[in-house]
PDB file of N, CA and C in Angstrom:
ATOM      1  N   MET A   1       0.895  -1.164   0.094  1.00  0.00           N
ATOM      2  CA  MET A   1       0.030  -0.102  -0.111  1.00  0.00           C
ATOM      3  C   MET A   1       1.076   1.311   0.067  1.00  0.00           C
ATOM      4  N   SER A   2       0.653   2.096  -1.119  1.00  0.00           N
ATOM      5  CA  SER A   2       1.501   3.229  -1.132  1.00  0.00           C
ATOM      6  C   SER A   2       0.611   4.462  -0.491  1.00  0.00           C
ATOM      7  N   THR A   3       1.581   5.299   0.147  1.00  0.00           N
ATOM      8  CA  THR A   3       0.862   6.630   0.674  1.00  0.00           C
ATOM      9  C   THR A   3       0.895   7.748  -0.245  1.00  0.00           C
ATOM     10  N   THR A   4       0.130   8.516  -0.696  1.00  0.00           N
ATOM     11  CA  THR A   4       0.285   9.542  -1.243  1.00  0.00           C
ATOM     12  C   THR A   4       0.127  10.848  -0.536  1.00  0.00           C
ATOM     13  N   LYS A   5       0.808  11.926  -0.882  1.00  0.00           N
ATOM     14  CA  LYS A   5       0.599  13.056  -0.689  1.00  0.00           C
ATOM     15  C   LYS A   5      -0.559  13.883  -0.850  1.00  0.00           C
ATOM     16  N   THR A   6      -0.915  14.851   0.031  1.00  0.00           N
ATOM     17  CA  THR A   6      -2.117  15.554  -0.543  1.00  0.00           C
ATOM     18  C   THR A   6      -1.556  16.760  -1.211  1.00  0.00           C
ATOM     19  N   PRO A   7      -2.009  17.010  -2.383  1.00  0.00           N
ATOM     20  CA  PRO A   7      -1.619  18.160  -3.175  1.00  0.00           C
ATOM     21  C   PRO A   7      -1.736  19.522  -2.268  1.00  0.00           C
ATOM     22  N   ARG A   8      -0.916  20.054  -2.625  1.00  0.00           N
ATOM     23  CA  ARG A   8      -0.806  21.529  -2.004  1.00  0.00           C
ATOM     24  C   ARG A   8      -2.183  22.253  -2.157  1.00  0.00           C
ATOM     25  N   TRP A   9      -2.587  22.542  -3.432  1.00  0.00           N
ATOM     26  CA  TRP A   9      -3.675  22.970  -3.883  1.00  0.00           C
ATOM     27  C   TRP A   9      -4.876  22.461  -2.795  1.00  0.00           C
ATOM     28  N   MET A  10      -5.175  21.344  -2.747  1.00  0.00           N
ATOM     29  CA  MET A  10      -6.185  20.564  -2.062  1.00  0.00           C
ATOM     30  C   MET A  10      -6.165  20.967  -0.458  1.00  0.00           C
ATOM     31  N   LYS A  11      -4.751  21.114  -0.080  1.00  0.00           N
ATOM     32  CA  LYS A  11      -4.699  21.536   1.608  1.00  0.00           C
ATOM     33  C   LYS A  11      -5.369  23.075   1.523  1.00  0.00           C
ATOM     34  N   SER A  12      -5.152  23.760   0.604  1.00  0.00           N
ATOM     35  CA  SER A  12      -5.729  25.236   0.830  1.00  0.00           C
ATOM     36  C   SER A  12      -7.178  25.197   0.426  1.00  0.00           C
ATOM     37  N   VAL A  13      -7.680  24.646  -0.377  1.00  0.00           N
ATOM     38  CA  VAL A  13      -9.172  24.432  -0.601  1.00  0.00           C
ATOM     39  C   VAL A  13      -9.708  23.840   0.603  1.00  0.00           C
ATOM     40  N   LEU A  14      -9.345  22.839   1.307  1.00  0.00           N
ATOM     41  CA  LEU A  14      -9.835  22.342   2.343  1.00  0.00           C
ATOM     42  C   LEU A  14      -9.837  23.361   3.543  1.00  0.00           C
ATOM     43  N   ALA A  15      -8.888  23.857   3.724  1.00  0.00           N
ATOM     44  CA  ALA A  15      -8.531  25.135   4.683  1.00  0.00           C
ATOM     45  C   ALA A  15      -9.715  26.328   4.581  1.00  0.00           C
ATOM     46  N   GLU A  16      -9.847  26.625   3.115  1.00  0.00           N
ATOM     47  CA  GLU A  16     -10.923  27.888   2.943  1.00  0.00           C
ATOM     48  C   GLU A  16     -12.314  27.013   3.322  1.00  0.00           C
ATOM     49  N   ALA A  17     -12.606  25.784   2.901  1.00  0.00           N
ATOM     50  CA  ALA A  17     -13.783  25.363   3.096  1.00  0.00           C
ATOM     51  C   ALA A  17     -14.130  25.259   4.655  1.00  0.00           C
ATOM     52  N   ALA A  18     -13.246  25.063   5.492  1.00  0.00           N
ATOM     53  CA  ALA A  18     -13.651  24.831   6.968  1.00  0.00           C
ATOM     54  C   ALA A  18     -13.642  26.335   7.363  1.00  0.00           C
ATOM     55  N   GLN A  19     -13.171  27.536   6.580  1.00  0.00           N
ATOM     56  CA  GLN A  19     -13.427  28.652   7.408  1.00  0.00           C
ATOM     57  C   GLN A  19     -14.840  29.352   6.685  1.00  0.00           C
ATOM     58  N   SER A  20     -15.452  28.635   5.838  1.00  0.00           N
ATOM     59  CA  SER A  20     -16.734  29.363   5.386  1.00  0.00           C
ATOM     60  C   SER A  20     -17.842  29.429   6.449  1.00  0.00           C
ATOM     61  N   GLU A  21     -18.439  30.529   6.352  1.00  0.00           N
ATOM     62  CA  GLU A  21     -19.698  30.789   7.205  1.00  0.00           C
ATOM     63  C   GLU A  21     -20.970  30.812   6.560  1.00  0.00           C
ATOM     64  N   VAL A  22     -21.088  30.315   5.186  1.00  0.00           N
ATOM     65  CA  VAL A  22     -22.152  30.324   4.503  1.00  0.00           C
ATOM     66  C   VAL A  22     -23.128  29.123   4.848  1.00  0.00           C
ATOM     67  N   GLN A  23     -24.302  29.582   5.111  1.00  0.00           N
ATOM     68  CA  GLN A  23     -25.254  28.784   5.618  1.00  0.00           C
ATOM     69  C   GLN A  23     -25.964  28.157   4.384  1.00  0.00           C
ATOM     70  N   MET A  24     -26.091  26.780   4.396  1.00  0.00           N
ATOM     71  CA  MET A  24     -26.292  25.851   3.390  1.00  0.00           C
ATOM     72  C   MET A  24     -28.148  25.528   3.742  1.00  0.00           C
ATOM     73  N   PRO A  25     -28.442  25.472   2.635  1.00  0.00           N
ATOM     74  CA  PRO A  25     -30.244  25.241   2.745  1.00  0.00           C
ATOM     75  C   PRO A  25     -30.372  23.852   3.523  1.00  0.00           C
ATOM     76  N   TRP A  26     -29.673  22.847   3.544  1.00  0.00           N
ATOM     77  CA  TRP A  26     -29.648  21.715   4.433  1.00  0.00           C
ATOM     78  C   TRP A  26     -29.517  21.733   5.858  1.00  0.00           C
ATOM     79  N   ALA A  27     -28.923  22.791   6.113  1.00  0.00           N
ATOM     80  CA  ALA A  27     -28.366  22.972   7.479  1.00  0.00           C
ATOM     81  C   ALA A  27     -29.544  22.886   8.363  1.00  0.00           C
ATOM     82  N   ARG A  28     -29.427  22.108   9.508  1.00  0.00           N
ATOM     83  CA  ARG A  28     -30.471  22.297  10.584  1.00  0.00           C
ATOM     84  C   ARG A  28     -29.942  23.174  11.773  1.00  0.00           C
ATOM     85  N   GLY A  29     -31.380  23.926  12.304  1.00  0.00           N
ATOM     86  CA  GLY A  29     -30.871  24.750  13.292  1.00  0.00           C
ATOM     87  C   GLY A  29     -32.214  25.462  13.917  1.00  0.00           C
ATOM     88  N   ALA A  30     -32.055  26.518  14.581  1.00  0.00           N
ATOM     89  CA  ALA A  30     -33.124  27.108  15.006  1.00  0.00           C
ATOM     90  C   ALA A  30     -34.201  27.697  14.103  1.00  0.00           C
ATOM     91  N   ARG A  31     -33.628  28.177  12.979  1.00  0.00           N
ATOM     92  CA  ARG A  31     -34.680  28.493  11.980  1.00  0.00           C
ATOM     93  C   ARG A  31     -35.579  27.533  11.463  1.00  0.00           C
ATOM     94  N   ARG A  32     -34.804  26.145  11.321  1.00  0.00           N
ATOM     95  CA  ARG A  32     -35.802  25.339  11.023  1.00  0.00           C
ATOM     96  C   ARG A  32     -36.752  24.584  11.873  1.00  0.00           C
ATOM     97  N   GLU A  33     -36.426  24.625  13.107  1.00  0.00           N
ATOM     98  CA  GLU A  33     -37.325  24.493  14.137  1.00  0.00           C
ATOM     99  C   GLU A  33     -38.481  25.382  14.525  1.00  0.00           C
ATOM    100  N   ALA A  34     -38.186  26.589  14.020  1.00  0.00           N
ATOM    101  CA  ALA A  34     -39.031  27.538  14.086  1.00  0.00           C
ATOM    102  C   ALA A  34     -40.149  27.560  13.180  1.00  0.00           C
ATOM    103  N   MET A  35     -39.550  27.072  11.987  1.00  0.00           N
ATOM    104  CA  MET A  35     -40.609  26.817  10.892  1.00  0.00           C
ATOM    105  C   MET A  35     -41.591  25.455  11.103  1.00  0.00           C
ATOM    106  N   ILE A  36     -41.052  24.444  11.657  1.00  0.00           N
ATOM    107  CA  ILE A  36     -41.641  23.170  12.181  1.00  0.00           C
ATOM    108  C   ILE A  36     -42.873  23.656  13.095  1.00  0.00           C
ATOM    109  N   VAL A  37     -42.541  24.477  14.128  1.00  0.00           N
ATOM    110  CA  VAL A  37     -43.341  24.753  15.086  1.00  0.00           C
ATOM    111  C   VAL A  37     -44.537  25.500  14.637  1.00  0.00           C
ATOM    112  N   ARG A  38     -44.117  26.531  13.644  1.00  0.00           N
ATOM    113  CA  ARG A  38     -45.233  27.449  12.928  1.00  0.00           C
ATOM    114  C   ARG A  38     -46.061  26.606  11.986  1.00  0.00           C
ATOM    115  N   ARG A  39     -45.615  25.513  11.439  1.00  0.00           N
ATOM    116  CA  ARG A  39     -46.479  24.590  10.710  1.00  0.00           C
ATOM    117  C   ARG A  39     -47.371  23.893  11.555  1.00  0.00           C
ATOM    118  N   ALA A  40     -46.705  23.510  12.584  1.00  0.00           N
ATOM    119  CA  ALA A  40     -47.645  22.610  13.630  1.00  0.00           C
ATOM    120  C   ALA A  40     -48.774  23.415  14.158  1.00  0.00           C
ATOM    121  N   ALA A  41     -48.583  24.582  14.481  1.00  0.00           N
ATOM    122  CA  ALA A  41     -49.440  25.738  14.823  1.00  0.00           C
ATOM    123  C   ALA A  41     -50.454  25.836  13.901  1.00  0.00           C
ATOM    124  N   ASP A  42     -50.072  26.223  12.596  1.00  0.00           N
ATOM    125  CA  ASP A  42     -51.041  26.382  11.523  1.00  0.00           C
ATOM    126  C   ASP A  42     -52.028  25.157  11.316  1.00  0.00           C
ATOM    127  N   GLU A  43     -51.470  24.207  11.343  1.00  0.00           N
ATOM    128  CA  GLU A  43     -52.230  22.828  11.231  1.00  0.00           C
ATOM    129  C   GLU A  43     -53.208  22.739  12.366  1.00  0.00           C
ATOM    130  N   ALA A  44     -52.912  22.726  13.687  1.00  0.00           N
ATOM    131  CA  ALA A  44     -53.547  22.849  14.846  1.00  0.00           C
ATOM    132  C   ALA A  44     -54.935  23.806  14.708  1.00  0.00           C
ATOM    133  N   ALA A  45     -54.642  24.934  14.232  1.00  0.00           N
ATOM    134  CA  ALA A  45     -55.560  25.931  13.938  1.00  0.00           C
ATOM    135  C   ALA A  45     -56.484  25.506  12.994  1.00  0.00           C
ATOM    136  N   SER A  46     -56.040  25.209  11.939  1.00  0.00           N
ATOM    137  CA  SER A  46     -57.007  24.815  10.805  1.00  0.00           C
ATOM    138  C   SER A  46     -57.849  23.440  11.245  1.00  0.00           C
ATOM    139  N   ARG A  47     -57.467  22.733  12.184  1.00  0.00           N
ATOM    140  CA  ARG A  47     -58.335  21.479  12.725  1.00  0.00           C
ATOM    141  C   ARG A  47     -59.264  21.912  13.755  1.00  0.00           C
ATOM    142  N   ALA A  48     -59.045  23.100  14.198  1.00  0.00           N
ATOM    143  CA  ALA A  48     -59.957  23.244  15.604  1.00  0.00           C
ATOM    144  C   ALA A  48     -61.497  23.591  14.924  1.00  0.00           C
ATOM    145  N   PRO A  49     -62.484  23.295  15.642  1.00  0.00           N
ATOM    146  CA  PRO A  49     -63.734  23.182  15.357  1.00  0.00           C
ATOM    147  C   PRO A  49     -64.131  24.667  15.252  1.00  0.00           C
ATOM    148  N   GLN A  50     -64.814  24.917  14.123  1.00  0.00           N
ATOM    149  CA  GLN A  50     -65.444  26.404  13.776  1.00  0.00           C
ATOM    150  C   GLN A  50     -66.539  26.444  14.262  1.00  0.00           C
ATOM    151  N   ARG A  51     -67.076  27.459  14.941  1.00  0.00           N
ATOM    152  CA  ARG A  51     -68.333  27.919  15.467  1.00  0.00           C
ATOM    153  C   ARG A  51     -69.030  28.494  14.385  1.00  0.00           C
ATOM    154  N   PRO A  52     -70.321  27.991  14.091  1.00  0.00           N
ATOM    155  CA  PRO A  52     -70.985  28.747  13.112  1.00  0.00           C
ATOM    156  C   PRO A  52     -71.429  30.114  13.197  1.00  0.00           C
ATOM    157  N   VAL A  53     -71.651  30.822  12.251  1.00  0.00           N
ATOM    158  CA  VAL A  53     -71.955  32.203  12.429  1.00  0.00           C
ATOM    159  C   VAL A  53     -73.401  32.513  12.371  1.00  0.00           C
ATOM    160  N   LEU A  54     -74.086  32.930  13.426  1.00  0.00           N
ATOM    161  CA  LEU A  54     -75.550  32.982  13.548  1.00  0.00           C
ATOM    162  C   LEU A  54     -75.791  34.352  13.138  1.00  0.00           C
ATOM    163  N   ALA A  55     -77.074  34.257  12.685  1.00  0.00           N
ATOM    164  CA  ALA A  55     -77.488  35.351  11.763  1.00  0.00           C
ATOM    165  C   ALA A  55     -78.239  36.352  13.057  1.00  0.00           C
ATOM    166  N   ALA A  56     -78.309  37.703  12.922  1.00  0.00           N
ATOM    167  CA  ALA A  56     -78.725  38.774  13.948  1.00  0.00           C
ATOM    168  C   ALA A  56     -80.112  38.717  13.663  1.00  0.00           C
ATOM    169  N   ARG A  57     -80.939  38.756  14.793  1.00  0.00           N
ATOM    170  CA  ARG A  57     -82.410  38.915  14.827  1.00  0.00           C
ATOM    171  C   ARG A  57     -82.942  40.231  14.774  1.00  0.00           C
TER     172      ARG A  57
END
């Protein structure tokens, strides 16, 4: 089994990628959790029984 050196350009690319602060769409976090809670609240509100509107006499 031979060991190969990591090319110099690859080291710099990996170092730069590690420093990146860009948020990826698939990143999980507080923003995603808030969206899930909001959806659950919307669904619960839509399932709540509606009171019929009574005509005024």
